[in-house]
């Protein structure tokens, strides 16, 4: 499947637990003031890549523990990311995703959109909510502002309530 991206970071230790390949998707309508990746906002910038090429990059690096979808806004391209996440899980890797939407907003979207539902089902950890510069805190684990949450989606699905991975 094709995916519009802004770039790929081959090895990251700041976009989730472990050593990760980070896919920066292209396109975001949130326009958060102070956005860390403003170049990813325009919907038509970046380039198209086949998700198979991303899997090839992943397979070439035995140090990776997982893959992170960042942005831009990953949930604007849920279908190719859901399929990619499924294939990453088959290889034993975990999947993190950042989103400017809250989990509750994504769950509402998922009721009408099967691709959003599929991606939510594949995400192991979701960092949700828009970046809010007034709540910026550089001491937080894997997020930039206090309003954002790092949600353990596996435990959340099992418990039927939101379970945070980090509460700092």
Protein backbone atom coordinates (compact mmCIF):
# COMPACT_ATOMS: atom_id res chain seq x y z
CA UNK A 1 0.00 0.00 0.00
CA UNK A 2 1.09 3.57 -0.58
CA UNK A 3 1.72 6.08 2.16
CA UNK A 4 2.56 9.81 1.93
CA UNK A 5 5.50 10.52 4.23
CA UNK A 6 7.77 13.40 5.18
CA UNK A 7 10.65 11.12 6.13
CA UNK A 8 11.96 8.14 8.05
CA UNK A 9 14.37 8.08 10.97
CA UNK A 10 16.24 4.76 10.90
CA UNK A 11 17.04 4.55 14.61
CA UNK A 12 15.38 6.60 17.33
CA UNK A 13 15.39 6.27 21.11
CA UNK A 14 13.16 9.31 21.73
CA UNK A 15 10.01 8.19 19.88
CA UNK A 16 9.09 5.31 22.21
CA UNK A 17 10.68 2.55 24.26
CA UNK A 18 13.67 0.78 22.73
CA UNK A 19 15.33 1.35 19.39
CA UNK A 20 12.72 2.34 16.85
CA UNK A 21 12.29 3.20 13.21
CA UNK A 22 10.13 6.32 13.06
CA UNK A 23 7.88 7.04 10.09
CA UNK A 24 6.94 10.72 9.82
CA UNK A 25 3.72 10.82 7.84
CA UNK A 26 2.87 13.86 5.76
CA UNK A 27 -0.22 15.93 6.43
CA UNK A 28 -1.74 17.41 9.57
CA UNK A 29 -4.68 19.74 10.12
CA UNK A 30 -4.10 20.30 13.85
CA UNK A 31 -1.58 23.12 13.29
CA UNK A 32 -0.40 23.05 16.92
CA UNK A 33 1.36 26.27 17.91
CA UNK A 34 5.04 25.40 18.42
CA UNK A 35 4.78 22.14 16.45
CA UNK A 36 8.06 20.21 16.45
CA UNK A 37 7.55 19.11 12.82
CA UNK A 38 5.79 21.97 10.98
CA UNK A 39 7.17 20.76 7.63
CA UNK A 40 4.93 17.69 7.96
CA UNK A 41 1.71 19.75 8.03
CA UNK A 42 1.03 20.43 4.32
CA UNK A 43 -1.11 17.60 2.96
CA UNK A 44 0.49 17.51 -0.50
CA UNK A 45 4.18 17.76 0.43
CA UNK A 46 6.51 14.87 1.10
CA UNK A 47 6.55 11.81 -1.15
CA UNK A 48 4.74 8.55 -1.71
CA UNK A 49 6.35 5.33 -0.54
CA UNK A 50 5.16 1.75 -0.73
CA UNK A 51 4.86 0.31 2.78
CA UNK A 52 6.80 -2.71 1.53
CA UNK A 53 9.90 -0.50 1.32
CA UNK A 54 9.44 0.43 4.98
CA UNK A 55 9.24 -3.27 5.85
CA UNK A 56 12.47 -3.84 3.92
CA UNK A 57 14.19 -1.13 5.99
CA UNK A 58 12.86 -2.68 9.18
CA UNK A 59 14.07 -6.16 8.19
CA UNK A 60 17.55 -4.79 7.51
CA UNK A 61 18.01 -3.60 11.10
CA UNK A 62 18.09 -6.36 13.75
CA UNK A 63 18.44 -3.76 16.54
CA UNK A 64 14.89 -2.45 16.15
CA UNK A 65 12.37 -3.24 18.86
CA UNK A 66 9.53 -1.40 17.18
CA UNK A 67 8.23 1.23 14.81
CA UNK A 68 6.66 4.59 15.63
CA UNK A 69 4.17 6.47 13.47
CA UNK A 70 4.62 10.20 13.97
CA UNK A 71 3.84 13.16 11.88
CA UNK A 72 2.05 14.91 10.62
CA UNK A 73 -1.07 13.06 11.74
CA UNK A 74 -0.95 9.28 11.31
CA UNK A 75 -4.72 8.89 11.64
CA UNK A 76 -5.23 10.81 8.39
CA UNK A 77 -3.75 7.75 6.61
CA UNK A 78 -5.12 4.90 8.73
CA UNK A 79 -5.53 2.18 6.08
CA UNK A 80 -1.90 1.81 4.96
CA UNK A 81 -0.64 2.28 8.52
CA UNK A 82 -3.01 -0.39 9.87
CA UNK A 83 -1.73 -2.86 7.27
CA UNK A 84 1.88 -1.90 7.97
CA UNK A 85 1.32 -2.31 11.72
CA UNK A 86 -0.18 -5.76 11.20
CA UNK A 87 2.91 -6.81 9.23
CA UNK A 88 5.22 -5.33 11.87
CA UNK A 89 3.45 -7.31 14.58
CA UNK A 90 3.94 -10.47 12.49
CA UNK A 91 7.68 -9.73 12.68
CA UNK A 92 7.54 -9.41 16.47
CA UNK A 93 7.83 -5.63 16.63
CA UNK A 94 5.63 -3.27 18.61
CA UNK A 95 3.89 -0.20 17.19
CA UNK A 96 3.62 3.24 18.77
CA UNK A 97 1.64 6.08 17.24
CA UNK A 98 1.45 9.75 18.01
CA UNK A 99 -1.79 11.60 17.31
CA UNK A 100 -3.06 15.12 17.81
CA UNK A 101 -6.46 13.55 18.40
CA UNK A 102 -7.36 12.21 21.83
CA UNK A 103 -8.16 8.52 22.18
CA UNK A 104 -11.79 9.44 22.75
CA UNK A 105 -11.87 11.41 19.47
CA UNK A 106 -10.25 8.51 17.63
CA UNK A 107 -12.74 6.05 19.11
CA UNK A 108 -15.59 8.25 17.90
CA UNK A 109 -14.05 8.43 14.41
CA UNK A 110 -13.53 4.65 14.46
CA UNK A 111 -17.27 4.05 14.80
CA UNK A 112 -17.79 5.43 11.29
CA UNK A 113 -14.41 4.58 9.74
CA UNK A 114 -13.18 0.99 9.59
CA UNK A 115 -9.61 2.04 8.67
CA UNK A 116 -9.34 4.15 11.84
CA UNK A 117 -10.78 1.23 13.79
CA UNK A 118 -8.21 -1.11 12.23
CA UNK A 119 -5.28 1.17 13.05
CA UNK A 120 -6.45 1.68 16.63
CA UNK A 121 -6.65 -2.11 16.99
CA UNK A 122 -3.01 -2.48 15.87
CA UNK A 123 -1.44 0.31 17.96
CA UNK A 124 0.33 -0.94 21.10
CA UNK A 125 1.01 2.51 22.58
CA UNK A 126 -0.77 5.73 21.67
CA UNK A 127 0.58 9.17 22.55
CA UNK A 128 -2.56 11.26 22.21
CA UNK A 129 -3.65 14.86 22.22
CA UNK A 130 -2.44 18.04 20.55
CA UNK A 131 0.83 19.61 21.55
CA UNK A 132 0.04 22.61 23.76
CA UNK A 133 2.98 24.96 24.04
CA UNK A 134 1.61 26.44 27.29
CA UNK A 135 1.94 22.98 28.86
CA UNK A 136 5.40 22.21 27.44
CA UNK A 137 7.52 20.06 29.76
CA UNK A 138 10.85 18.61 28.63
CA UNK A 139 10.95 16.16 31.58
CA UNK A 140 8.05 14.06 30.30
CA UNK A 141 8.53 10.59 28.83
CA UNK A 142 7.92 10.56 25.06
CA UNK A 143 5.67 13.60 24.88
CA UNK A 144 6.06 17.35 24.75
CA UNK A 145 3.18 18.77 26.79
CA UNK A 146 1.38 17.78 30.01
CA UNK A 147 -2.01 17.34 28.33
CA UNK A 148 -0.71 14.49 26.20
CA UNK A 149 -1.02 10.91 27.42
CA UNK A 150 1.08 7.81 26.77
CA UNK A 151 -1.60 5.12 26.65
CA UNK A 152 -0.90 1.39 26.84
CA UNK A 153 -3.48 0.34 24.28
CA UNK A 154 -3.16 -3.40 24.93
CA UNK A 155 -4.00 -2.93 28.60
CA UNK A 156 -6.64 -0.31 27.77
CA UNK A 157 -8.46 -2.71 25.43
CA UNK A 158 -8.31 -5.49 28.03
CA UNK A 159 -9.37 -3.33 31.01
CA UNK A 160 -12.03 -1.35 29.16
CA UNK A 161 -10.58 1.87 30.58
CA UNK A 162 -7.55 4.03 29.77
CA UNK A 163 -4.30 2.65 31.20
CA UNK A 164 -1.34 5.02 31.09
CA UNK A 165 2.15 3.73 30.43
CA UNK A 166 3.79 6.81 32.01
CA UNK A 167 2.20 9.08 34.58
CA UNK A 168 5.06 11.56 35.11
